[in-house]
């Protein structure tokens, strides 16, 4: 349903094993793209 977005704008990083590593991978990704703002999606709890 979102093939156009998958091809250009969605990155997968399957290495993280916990929340700390999720944040570490997100930090690298954000630095690489020089992002200054992020929307974080996860469960409420």
ModelCIF file with pLDDT and N, C-alpha, C, O atoms, coordinates in Angstrom:
data_MODEL
#
_entry.id   MODEL 
#
_entity.id                         1 
_entity.type                       polymer 
_entity.pdbx_number_of_molecules   1 
#
_entity_poly.entity_id                      1 
_entity_poly.type                           'polypeptide(L)' 
_entity_poly.nstd_linkage                   no 
_entity_poly.nstd_monomer                   no 
_entity_poly.pdbx_seq_one_letter_code       
;(UNK)(UNK)(UNK)(UNK)(UNK)(UNK)(UNK)(UNK)(UNK)(UNK)(UNK)(UNK)(UNK)(UNK)(UNK)(UNK)
(UNK)(UNK)(UNK)(UNK)(UNK)(UNK)(UNK)(UNK)(UNK)(UNK)(UNK)(UNK)(UNK)(UNK)(UNK)(UNK)
(UNK)(UNK)(UNK)(UNK)(UNK)(UNK)(UNK)(UNK)(UNK)(UNK)(UNK)(UNK)(UNK)
;
_entity_poly.pdbx_seq_one_letter_code_can   XXXXXXXXXXXXXXXXXXXXXXXXXXXXXXXXXXXXXXXXXXXXX 
_entity_poly.pdbx_strand_id                 A 
#
loop_
_entity_poly_seq.entity_id 
_entity_poly_seq.num 
_entity_poly_seq.mon_id 
_entity_poly_seq.hetero 
1 1  UNK n 
1 2  UNK n 
1 3  UNK n 
1 4  UNK n 
1 5  UNK n 
1 6  UNK n 
1 7  UNK n 
1 8  UNK n 
1 9  UNK n 
1 10 UNK n 
1 11 UNK n 
1 12 UNK n 
1 13 UNK n 
1 14 UNK n 
1 15 UNK n 
1 16 UNK n 
1 17 UNK n 
1 18 UNK n 
1 19 UNK n 
1 20 UNK n 
1 21 UNK n 
1 22 UNK n 
1 23 UNK n 
1 24 UNK n 
1 25 UNK n 
1 26 UNK n 
1 27 UNK n 
1 28 UNK n 
1 29 UNK n 
1 30 UNK n 
1 31 UNK n 
1 32 UNK n 
1 33 UNK n 
1 34 UNK n 
1 35 UNK n 
1 36 UNK n 
1 37 UNK n 
1 38 UNK n 
1 39 UNK n 
1 40 UNK n 
1 41 UNK n 
1 42 UNK n 
1 43 UNK n 
1 44 UNK n 
1 45 UNK n 
#
_struct_asym.id          A 
_struct_asym.entity_id   1 
#
loop_
_ma_qa_metric.id 
_ma_qa_metric.mode 
_ma_qa_metric.name 
_ma_qa_metric.software_group_id 
_ma_qa_metric.type 
1 global pLDDT . pLDDT 
2 local  pLDDT . pLDDT 
#
_ma_qa_metric_global.metric_id      1 
_ma_qa_metric_global.metric_value   92.49 
_ma_qa_metric_global.model_id       1 
_ma_qa_metric_global.ordinal_id     1 
#
loop_
_ma_qa_metric_local.label_asym_id 
_ma_qa_metric_local.label_comp_id 
_ma_qa_metric_local.label_seq_id 
_ma_qa_metric_local.metric_id 
_ma_qa_metric_local.metric_value 
_ma_qa_metric_local.model_id 
_ma_qa_metric_local.ordinal_id 
A UNK 1  2 90.00 1 1  
A UNK 2  2 91.00 1 2  
A UNK 3  2 87.00 1 3  
A UNK 4  2 88.00 1 4  
A UNK 5  2 91.00 1 5  
A UNK 6  2 87.00 1 6  
A UNK 7  2 85.00 1 7  
A UNK 8  2 91.00 1 8  
A UNK 9  2 93.00 1 9  
A UNK 10 2 93.00 1 10 
A UNK 11 2 93.00 1 11 
A UNK 12 2 89.00 1 12 
A UNK 13 2 89.00 1 13 
A UNK 14 2 84.00 1 14 
A UNK 15 2 85.00 1 15 
A UNK 16 2 88.00 1 16 
A UNK 17 2 88.00 1 17 
A UNK 18 2 91.00 1 18 
A UNK 19 2 93.00 1 19 
A UNK 20 2 93.00 1 20 
A UNK 21 2 93.00 1 21 
A UNK 22 2 95.00 1 22 
A UNK 23 2 96.00 1 23 
A UNK 24 2 95.00 1 24 
A UNK 25 2 95.00 1 25 
A UNK 26 2 97.00 1 26 
A UNK 27 2 97.00 1 27 
A UNK 28 2 96.00 1 28 
A UNK 29 2 97.00 1 29 
A UNK 30 2 97.00 1 30 
A UNK 31 2 96.00 1 31 
A UNK 32 2 96.00 1 32 
A UNK 33 2 96.00 1 33 
A UNK 34 2 96.00 1 34 
A UNK 35 2 97.00 1 35 
A UNK 36 2 97.00 1 36 
A UNK 37 2 97.00 1 37 
A UNK 38 2 97.00 1 38 
A UNK 39 2 96.00 1 39 
A UNK 40 2 96.00 1 40 
A UNK 41 2 95.00 1 41 
A UNK 42 2 93.00 1 42 
A UNK 43 2 90.00 1 43 
A UNK 44 2 87.00 1 44 
A UNK 45 2 86.00 1 45 
#
loop_
_atom_site.group_PDB 
_atom_site.id 
_atom_site.type_symbol 
_atom_site.label_atom_id 
_atom_site.label_alt_id 
_atom_site.label_comp_id 
_atom_site.label_asym_id 
_atom_site.label_entity_id 
_atom_site.label_seq_id 
_atom_site.pdbx_PDB_ins_code 
_atom_site.Cartn_x 
_atom_site.Cartn_y 
_atom_site.Cartn_z 
_atom_site.occupancy 
_atom_site.B_iso_or_equiv 
_atom_site.pdbx_formal_charge 
_atom_site.auth_seq_id 
_atom_site.auth_comp_id 
_atom_site.auth_asym_id 
_atom_site.auth_atom_id 
_atom_site.pdbx_PDB_model_num 
ATOM 1   N N  . UNK A 1 1  ? 0.802  -1.227 0.000  1.00 90.00 ? 1  UNK A N  1 
ATOM 2   C CA . UNK A 1 1  ? 0.000  0.000  0.000  1.00 90.00 ? 1  UNK A CA 1 
ATOM 3   C C  . UNK A 1 1  ? 0.837  1.281  0.000  1.00 90.00 ? 1  UNK A C  1 
ATOM 4   O O  . UNK A 1 1  ? 0.341  2.349  -0.357 1.00 90.00 ? 1  UNK A O  1 
ATOM 5   N N  . UNK A 1 2  ? 2.103  1.170  0.400  1.00 91.00 ? 2  UNK A N  1 
ATOM 6   C CA . UNK A 1 2  ? 2.949  2.363  0.492  1.00 91.00 ? 2  UNK A CA 1 
ATOM 7   C C  . UNK A 1 2  ? 4.265  2.124  -0.255 1.00 91.00 ? 2  UNK A C  1 
ATOM 8   O O  . UNK A 1 2  ? 5.333  2.519  0.214  1.00 91.00 ? 2  UNK A O  1 
ATOM 9   N N  . UNK A 1 3  ? 4.181  1.485  -1.400 1.00 87.00 ? 3  UNK A N  1 
ATOM 10  C CA . UNK A 1 3  ? 5.386  1.096  -2.148 1.00 87.00 ? 3  UNK A CA 1 
ATOM 11  C C  . UNK A 1 3  ? 6.252  2.305  -2.501 1.00 87.00 ? 3  UNK A C  1 
ATOM 12  O O  . UNK A 1 3  ? 7.480  2.213  -2.477 1.00 87.00 ? 3  UNK A O  1 
ATOM 13  N N  . UNK A 1 4  ? 5.630  3.425  -2.825 1.00 88.00 ? 4  UNK A N  1 
ATOM 14  C CA . UNK A 1 4  ? 6.396  4.618  -3.155 1.00 88.00 ? 4  UNK A CA 1 
ATOM 15  C C  . UNK A 1 4  ? 7.230  5.106  -1.984 1.00 88.00 ? 4  UNK A C  1 
ATOM 16  O O  . UNK A 1 4  ? 8.368  5.540  -2.169 1.00 88.00 ? 4  UNK A O  1 
ATOM 17  N N  . UNK A 1 5  ? 6.685  5.042  -0.800 1.00 91.00 ? 5  UNK A N  1 
ATOM 18  C CA . UNK A 1 5  ? 7.396  5.473  0.399  1.00 91.00 ? 5  UNK A CA 1 
ATOM 19  C C  . UNK A 1 5  ? 8.497  4.480  0.766  1.00 91.00 ? 5  UNK A C  1 
ATOM 20  O O  . UNK A 1 5  ? 9.578  4.876  1.202  1.00 91.00 ? 5  UNK A O  1 
ATOM 21  N N  . UNK A 1 6  ? 8.213  3.173  0.586  1.00 87.00 ? 6  UNK A N  1 
ATOM 22  C CA . UNK A 1 6  ? 9.213  2.155  0.911  1.00 87.00 ? 6  UNK A CA 1 
ATOM 23  C C  . UNK A 1 6  ? 10.457 2.341  0.049  1.00 87.00 ? 6  UNK A C  1 
ATOM 24  O O  . UNK A 1 6  ? 11.580 2.182  0.525  1.00 87.00 ? 6  UNK A O  1 
ATOM 25  N N  . UNK A 1 7  ? 10.250 2.677  -1.215 1.00 85.00 ? 7  UNK A N  1 
ATOM 26  C CA . UNK A 1 7  ? 11.376 2.816  -2.123 1.00 85.00 ? 7  UNK A CA 1 
ATOM 27  C C  . UNK A 1 7  ? 12.263 4.013  -1.856 1.00 85.00 ? 7  UNK A C  1 
ATOM 28  O O  . UNK A 1 7  ? 13.455 3.991  -2.162 1.00 85.00 ? 7  UNK A O  1 
ATOM 29  N N  . UNK A 1 8  ? 11.688 5.054  -1.286 1.00 91.00 ? 8  UNK A N  1 
ATOM 30  C CA . UNK A 1 8  ? 12.479 6.291  -1.151 1.00 91.00 ? 8  UNK A CA 1 
ATOM 31  C C  . UNK A 1 8  ? 12.783 6.708  0.276  1.00 91.00 ? 8  UNK A C  1 
ATOM 32  O O  . UNK A 1 8  ? 13.806 7.345  0.528  1.00 91.00 ? 8  UNK A O  1 
ATOM 33  N N  . UNK A 1 9  ? 11.910 6.361  1.217  1.00 93.00 ? 9  UNK A N  1 
ATOM 34  C CA . UNK A 1 9  ? 11.955 7.112  2.479  1.00 93.00 ? 9  UNK A CA 1 
ATOM 35  C C  . UNK A 1 9  ? 11.864 6.264  3.749  1.00 93.00 ? 9  UNK A C  1 
ATOM 36  O O  . UNK A 1 9  ? 11.784 6.825  4.841  1.00 93.00 ? 9  UNK A O  1 
ATOM 37  N N  . UNK A 1 10 ? 11.873 4.943  3.645  1.00 93.00 ? 10 UNK A N  1 
ATOM 38  C CA . UNK A 1 10 ? 11.762 4.095  4.838  1.00 93.00 ? 10 UNK A CA 1 
ATOM 39  C C  . UNK A 1 10 ? 13.033 3.265  4.972  1.00 93.00 ? 10 UNK A C  1 
ATOM 40  O O  . UNK A 1 10 ? 13.399 2.513  4.069  1.00 93.00 ? 10 UNK A O  1 
ATOM 41  N N  . UNK A 1 11 ? 13.701 3.415  6.121  1.00 93.00 ? 11 UNK A N  1 
ATOM 42  C CA . UNK A 1 11 ? 14.927 2.676  6.412  1.00 93.00 ? 11 UNK A CA 1 
ATOM 43  C C  . UNK A 1 11 ? 14.652 1.633  7.494  1.00 93.00 ? 11 UNK A C  1 
ATOM 44  O O  . UNK A 1 11 ? 13.917 1.893  8.447  1.00 93.00 ? 11 UNK A O  1 
ATOM 45  N N  . UNK A 1 12 ? 15.247 0.457  7.338  1.00 89.00 ? 12 UNK A N  1 
ATOM 46  C CA . UNK A 1 12 ? 15.113 -0.624 8.315  1.00 89.00 ? 12 UNK A CA 1 
ATOM 47  C C  . UNK A 1 12 ? 16.456 -0.881 8.982  1.00 89.00 ? 12 UNK A C  1 
ATOM 48  O O  . UNK A 1 12 ? 17.485 -0.976 8.313  1.00 89.00 ? 12 UNK A O  1 
ATOM 49  N N  . UNK A 1 13 ? 16.436 -0.992 10.311 1.00 89.00 ? 13 UNK A N  1 
ATOM 50  C CA . UNK A 1 13 ? 17.646 -1.345 11.066 1.00 89.00 ? 13 UNK A CA 1 
ATOM 51  C C  . UNK A 1 13 ? 17.264 -2.423 12.078 1.00 89.00 ? 13 UNK A C  1 
ATOM 52  O O  . UNK A 1 13 ? 16.767 -2.111 13.161 1.00 89.00 ? 13 UNK A O  1 
ATOM 53  N N  . UNK A 1 14 ? 17.496 -3.697 11.727 1.00 84.00 ? 14 UNK A N  1 
ATOM 54  C CA . UNK A 1 14 ? 17.006 -4.797 12.562 1.00 84.00 ? 14 UNK A CA 1 
ATOM 55  C C  . UNK A 1 14 ? 17.953 -5.231 13.677 1.00 84.00 ? 14 UNK A C  1 
ATOM 56  O O  . UNK A 1 14 ? 17.724 -6.266 14.302 1.00 84.00 ? 14 UNK A O  1 
ATOM 57  N N  . UNK A 1 15 ? 19.000 -4.476 13.938 1.00 85.00 ? 15 UNK A N  1 
ATOM 58  C CA . UNK A 1 15 ? 20.029 -4.950 14.859 1.00 85.00 ? 15 UNK A CA 1 
ATOM 59  C C  . UNK A 1 15 ? 19.691 -4.735 16.339 1.00 85.00 ? 15 UNK A C  1 
ATOM 60  O O  . UNK A 1 15 ? 20.145 -5.501 17.188 1.00 85.00 ? 15 UNK A O  1 
ATOM 61  N N  . UNK A 1 16 ? 18.916 -3.725 16.653 1.00 88.00 ? 16 UNK A N  1 
ATOM 62  C CA . UNK A 1 16 ? 18.676 -3.369 18.062 1.00 88.00 ? 16 UNK A CA 1 
ATOM 63  C C  . UNK A 1 16 ? 17.970 -4.496 18.812 1.00 88.00 ? 16 UNK A C  1 
ATOM 64  O O  . UNK A 1 16 ? 17.001 -5.080 18.325 1.00 88.00 ? 16 UNK A O  1 
ATOM 65  N N  . UNK A 1 17 ? 18.481 -4.784 20.009 1.00 88.00 ? 17 UNK A N  1 
ATOM 66  C CA . UNK A 1 17 ? 17.909 -5.835 20.850 1.00 88.00 ? 17 UNK A CA 1 
ATOM 67  C C  . UNK A 1 17 ? 17.165 -5.292 22.070 1.00 88.00 ? 17 UNK A C  1 
ATOM 68  O O  . UNK A 1 17 ? 16.546 -6.059 22.807 1.00 88.00 ? 17 UNK A O  1 
ATOM 69  N N  . UNK A 1 18 ? 17.220 -3.994 22.286 1.00 91.00 ? 18 UNK A N  1 
ATOM 70  C CA . UNK A 1 18 ? 16.526 -3.392 23.428 1.00 91.00 ? 18 UNK A CA 1 
ATOM 71  C C  . UNK A 1 18 ? 16.329 -1.900 23.157 1.00 91.00 ? 18 UNK A C  1 
ATOM 72  O O  . UNK A 1 18 ? 16.758 -1.385 22.125 1.00 91.00 ? 18 UNK A O  1 
ATOM 73  N N  . UNK A 1 19 ? 15.681 -1.220 24.090 1.00 93.00 ? 19 UNK A N  1 
ATOM 74  C CA . UNK A 1 19 ? 15.350 0.192  23.893 1.00 93.00 ? 19 UNK A CA 1 
ATOM 75  C C  . UNK A 1 19 ? 16.595 1.072  23.832 1.00 93.00 ? 19 UNK A C  1 
ATOM 76  O O  . UNK A 1 19 ? 16.653 2.025  23.056 1.00 93.00 ? 19 UNK A O  1 
ATOM 77  N N  . UNK A 1 20 ? 17.581 0.748  24.649 1.00 93.00 ? 20 UNK A N  1 
ATOM 78  C CA . UNK A 1 20 ? 18.839 1.506  24.615 1.00 93.00 ? 20 UNK A CA 1 
ATOM 79  C C  . UNK A 1 20 ? 19.464 1.435  23.222 1.00 93.00 ? 20 UNK A C  1 
ATOM 80  O O  . UNK A 1 20 ? 19.932 2.446  22.699 1.00 93.00 ? 20 UNK A O  1 
ATOM 81  N N  . UNK A 1 21 ? 19.472 0.258  22.628 1.00 93.00 ? 21 UNK A N  1 
ATOM 82  C CA . UNK A 1 21 ? 20.049 0.100  21.289 1.00 93.00 ? 21 UNK A CA 1 
ATOM 83  C C  . UNK A 1 21 ? 19.161 0.732  20.222 1.00 93.00 ? 21 UNK A C  1 
ATOM 84  O O  . UNK A 1 21 ? 19.669 1.236  19.221 1.00 93.00 ? 21 UNK A O  1 
ATOM 85  N N  . UNK A 1 22 ? 17.837 0.713  20.419 1.00 95.00 ? 22 UNK A N  1 
ATOM 86  C CA . UNK A 1 22 ? 16.947 1.461  19.517 1.00 95.00 ? 22 UNK A CA 1 
ATOM 87  C C  . UNK A 1 22 ? 17.356 2.926  19.456 1.00 95.00 ? 22 UNK A C  1 
ATOM 88  O O  . UNK A 1 22 ? 17.479 3.509  18.378 1.00 95.00 ? 22 UNK A O  1 
ATOM 89  N N  . UNK A 1 23 ? 17.564 3.514  20.641 1.00 96.00 ? 23 UNK A N  1 
ATOM 90  C CA . UNK A 1 23 ? 17.938 4.927  20.714 1.00 96.00 ? 23 UNK A CA 1 
ATOM 91  C C  . UNK A 1 23 ? 19.309 5.173  20.089 1.00 96.00 ? 23 UNK A C  1 
ATOM 92  O O  . UNK A 1 23 ? 19.521 6.185  19.421 1.00 96.00 ? 23 UNK A O  1 
ATOM 93  N N  . UNK A 1 24 ? 20.226 4.253  20.306 1.00 95.00 ? 24 UNK A N  1 
ATOM 94  C CA . UNK A 1 24 ? 21.570 4.386  19.719 1.00 95.00 ? 24 UNK A CA 1 
ATOM 95  C C  . UNK A 1 24 ? 21.496 4.379  18.183 1.00 95.00 ? 24 UNK A C  1 
ATOM 96  O O  . UNK A 1 24 ? 22.134 5.197  17.520 1.00 95.00 ? 24 UNK A O  1 
ATOM 97  N N  . UNK A 1 25 ? 20.713 3.452  17.634 1.00 95.00 ? 25 UNK A N  1 
ATOM 98  C CA . UNK A 1 25 ? 20.578 3.378  16.174 1.00 95.00 ? 25 UNK A CA 1 
ATOM 99  C C  . UNK A 1 25 ? 19.867 4.611  15.623 1.00 95.00 ? 25 UNK A C  1 
ATOM 100 O O  . UNK A 1 25 ? 20.222 5.120  14.560 1.00 95.00 ? 25 UNK A O  1 
ATOM 101 N N  . UNK A 1 26 ? 18.858 5.085  16.357 1.00 97.00 ? 26 UNK A N  1 
ATOM 102 C CA . UNK A 1 26 ? 18.146 6.294  15.929 1.00 97.00 ? 26 UNK A CA 1 
ATOM 103 C C  . UNK A 1 26 ? 19.070 7.504  15.949 1.00 97.00 ? 26 UNK A C  1 
ATOM 104 O O  . UNK A 1 26 ? 18.972 8.379  15.089 1.00 97.00 ? 26 UNK A O  1 
ATOM 105 N N  . UNK A 1 27 ? 19.966 7.553  16.931 1.00 97.00 ? 27 UNK A N  1 
ATOM 106 C CA . UNK A 1 27 ? 20.919 8.661  17.013 1.00 97.00 ? 27 UNK A CA 1 
ATOM 107 C C  . UNK A 1 27 ? 21.809 8.679  15.765 1.00 97.00 ? 27 UNK A C  1 
ATOM 108 O O  . UNK A 1 27 ? 22.004 9.731  15.156 1.00 97.00 ? 27 UNK A O  1 
ATOM 109 N N  . UNK A 1 28 ? 22.342 7.527  15.392 1.00 96.00 ? 28 UNK A N  1 
ATOM 110 C CA . UNK A 1 28 ? 23.214 7.452  14.207 1.00 96.00 ? 28 UNK A CA 1 
ATOM 111 C C  . UNK A 1 28 ? 22.446 7.877  12.953 1.00 96.00 ? 28 UNK A C  1 
ATOM 112 O O  . UNK A 1 28 ? 22.955 8.637  12.129 1.00 96.00 ? 28 UNK A O  1 
ATOM 113 N N  . UNK A 1 29 ? 21.232 7.382  12.822 1.00 97.00 ? 29 UNK A N  1 
ATOM 114 C CA . UNK A 1 29 ? 20.406 7.692  11.650 1.00 97.00 ? 29 UNK A CA 1 
ATOM 115 C C  . UNK A 1 29 ? 20.114 9.185  11.573 1.00 97.00 ? 29 UNK A C  1 
ATOM 116 O O  . UNK A 1 29 ? 20.230 9.795  10.510 1.00 97.00 ? 29 UNK A O  1 
ATOM 117 N N  . UNK A 1 30 ? 19.733 9.771  12.712 1.00 97.00 ? 30 UNK A N  1 
ATOM 118 C CA . UNK A 1 30 ? 19.414 11.200 12.746 1.00 97.00 ? 30 UNK A CA 1 
ATOM 119 C C  . UNK A 1 30 ? 20.651 12.047 12.436 1.00 97.00 ? 30 UNK A C  1 
ATOM 120 O O  . UNK A 1 30 ? 20.562 13.044 11.719 1.00 97.00 ? 30 UNK A O  1 
ATOM 121 N N  . UNK A 1 31 ? 21.806 11.646 12.981 1.00 96.00 ? 31 UNK A N  1 
ATOM 122 C CA . UNK A 1 31 ? 23.043 12.374 12.695 1.00 96.00 ? 31 UNK A CA 1 
ATOM 123 C C  . UNK A 1 31 ? 23.398 12.281 11.209 1.00 96.00 ? 31 UNK A C  1 
ATOM 124 O O  . UNK A 1 31 ? 23.798 13.270 10.594 1.00 96.00 ? 31 UNK A O  1 
ATOM 125 N N  . UNK A 1 32 ? 23.248 11.091 10.645 1.00 96.00 ? 32 UNK A N  1 
ATOM 126 C CA . UNK A 1 32 ? 23.580 10.906 9.229  1.00 96.00 ? 32 UNK A CA 1 
ATOM 127 C C  . UNK A 1 32 ? 22.749 11.819 8.326  1.00 96.00 ? 32 UNK A C  1 
ATOM 128 O O  . UNK A 1 32 ? 23.241 12.339 7.325  1.00 96.00 ? 32 UNK A O  1 
ATOM 129 N N  . UNK A 1 33 ? 21.474 12.005 8.700  1.00 96.00 ? 33 UNK A N  1 
ATOM 130 C CA . UNK A 1 33 ? 20.567 12.815 7.886  1.00 96.00 ? 33 UNK A CA 1 
ATOM 131 C C  . UNK A 1 33 ? 20.487 14.272 8.354  1.00 96.00 ? 33 UNK A C  1 
ATOM 132 O O  . UNK A 1 33 ? 19.763 15.084 7.778  1.00 96.00 ? 33 UNK A O  1 
ATOM 133 N N  . UNK A 1 34 ? 21.254 14.588 9.420  1.00 96.00 ? 34 UNK A N  1 
ATOM 134 C CA . UNK A 1 34 ? 21.282 15.958 9.962  1.00 96.00 ? 34 UNK A CA 1 
ATOM 135 C C  . UNK A 1 34 ? 19.887 16.448 10.351 1.00 96.00 ? 34 UNK A C  1 
ATOM 136 O O  . UNK A 1 34 ? 19.509 17.584 10.065 1.00 96.00 ? 34 UNK A O  1 
ATOM 137 N N  . UNK A 1 35 ? 19.131 15.563 11.012 1.00 97.00 ? 35 UNK A N  1 
ATOM 138 C CA . UNK A 1 35 ? 17.787 15.907 11.465 1.00 97.00 ? 35 UNK A CA 1 
ATOM 139 C C  . UNK A 1 35 ? 17.857 16.630 12.802 1.00 97.00 ? 35 UNK A C  1 
ATOM 140 O O  . UNK A 1 35 ? 18.665 16.289 13.665 1.00 97.00 ? 35 UNK A O  1 
ATOM 141 N N  . UNK A 1 36 ? 17.005 17.626 12.959 1.00 97.00 ? 36 UNK A N  1 
ATOM 142 C CA . UNK A 1 36 ? 16.941 18.368 14.225 1.00 97.00 ? 36 UNK A CA 1 
ATOM 143 C C  . UNK A 1 36 ? 15.633 18.126 14.975 1.00 97.00 ? 36 UNK A C  1 
ATOM 144 O O  . UNK A 1 36 ? 15.436 18.661 16.066 1.00 97.00 ? 36 UNK A O  1 
ATOM 145 N N  . UNK A 1 37 ? 14.746 17.327 14.399 1.00 97.00 ? 37 UNK A N  1 
ATOM 146 C CA . UNK A 1 37 ? 13.481 16.994 15.075 1.00 97.00 ? 37 UNK A CA 1 
ATOM 147 C C  . UNK A 1 37 ? 13.019 15.623 14.616 1.00 97.00 ? 37 UNK A C  1 
ATOM 148 O O  . UNK A 1 37 ? 13.171 15.261 13.449 1.00 97.00 ? 37 UNK A O  1 
ATOM 149 N N  . UNK A 1 38 ? 12.446 14.854 15.557 1.00 97.00 ? 38 UNK A N  1 
ATOM 150 C CA . UNK A 1 38 ? 11.982 13.497 15.267 1.00 97.00 ? 38 UNK A CA 1 
ATOM 151 C C  . UNK A 1 38 ? 10.633 13.252 15.927 1.00 97.00 ? 38 UNK A C  1 
ATOM 152 O O  . UNK A 1 38 ? 10.375 13.732 17.031 1.00 97.00 ? 38 UNK A O  1 
ATOM 153 N N  . UNK A 1 39 ? 9.788  12.511 15.249 1.00 96.00 ? 39 UNK A N  1 
ATOM 154 C CA . UNK A 1 39 ? 8.560  11.988 15.847 1.00 96.00 ? 39 UNK A CA 1 
ATOM 155 C C  . UNK A 1 39 ? 8.857  10.557 16.280 1.00 96.00 ? 39 UNK A C  1 
ATOM 156 O O  . UNK A 1 39 ? 9.296  9.738  15.472 1.00 96.00 ? 39 UNK A O  1 
ATOM 157 N N  . UNK A 1 40 ? 8.620  10.261 17.539 1.00 96.00 ? 40 UNK A N  1 
ATOM 158 C CA . UNK A 1 40 ? 8.882  8.922  18.073 1.00 96.00 ? 40 UNK A CA 1 
ATOM 159 C C  . UNK A 1 40 ? 7.578  8.150  18.183 1.00 96.00 ? 40 UNK A C  1 
ATOM 160 O O  . UNK A 1 40 ? 6.637  8.598  18.838 1.00 96.00 ? 40 UNK A O  1 
ATOM 161 N N  . UNK A 1 41 ? 7.522  6.981  17.537 1.00 95.00 ? 41 UNK A N  1 
ATOM 162 C CA . UNK A 1 41 ? 6.343  6.123  17.576 1.00 95.00 ? 41 UNK A CA 1 
ATOM 163 C C  . UNK A 1 41 ? 6.680  4.851  18.335 1.00 95.00 ? 41 UNK A C  1 
ATOM 164 O O  . UNK A 1 41 ? 7.606  4.125  17.972 1.00 95.00 ? 41 UNK A O  1 
ATOM 165 N N  . UNK A 1 42 ? 5.930  4.590  19.379 1.00 93.00 ? 42 UNK A N  1 
ATOM 166 C CA . UNK A 1 42 ? 6.024  3.336  20.118 1.00 93.00 ? 42 UNK A CA 1 
ATOM 167 C C  . UNK A 1 42 ? 4.745  3.198  20.940 1.00 93.00 ? 42 UNK A C  1 
ATOM 168 O O  . UNK A 1 42 ? 3.872  4.062  20.871 1.00 93.00 ? 42 UNK A O  1 
ATOM 169 N N  . UNK A 1 43 ? 4.627  2.130  21.709 1.00 90.00 ? 43 UNK A N  1 
ATOM 170 C CA . UNK A 1 43 ? 3.419  1.913  22.516 1.00 90.00 ? 43 UNK A CA 1 
ATOM 171 C C  . UNK A 1 43 ? 3.355  2.896  23.673 1.00 90.00 ? 43 UNK A C  1 
ATOM 172 O O  . UNK A 1 43 ? 4.387  3.391  24.128 1.00 90.00 ? 43 UNK A O  1 
ATOM 173 N N  . UNK A 1 44 ? 2.160  3.180  24.147 1.00 87.00 ? 44 UNK A N  1 
ATOM 174 C CA . UNK A 1 44 ? 1.991  4.156  25.229 1.00 87.00 ? 44 UNK A CA 1 
ATOM 175 C C  . UNK A 1 44 ? 2.762  3.767  26.486 1.00 87.00 ? 44 UNK A C  1 
ATOM 176 O O  . UNK A 1 44 ? 3.401  4.619  27.104 1.00 87.00 ? 44 UNK A O  1 
ATOM 177 N N  . UNK A 1 45 ? 2.713  2.487  26.875 1.00 86.00 ? 45 UNK A N  1 
ATOM 178 C CA . UNK A 1 45 ? 3.403  2.057  28.094 1.00 86.00 ? 45 UNK A CA 1 
ATOM 179 C C  . UNK A 1 45 ? 4.929  2.137  27.931 1.00 86.00 ? 45 UNK A C  1 
ATOM 180 O O  . UNK A 1 45 ? 5.667  1.812  28.860 1.00 86.00 ? 45 UNK A O  1 
#
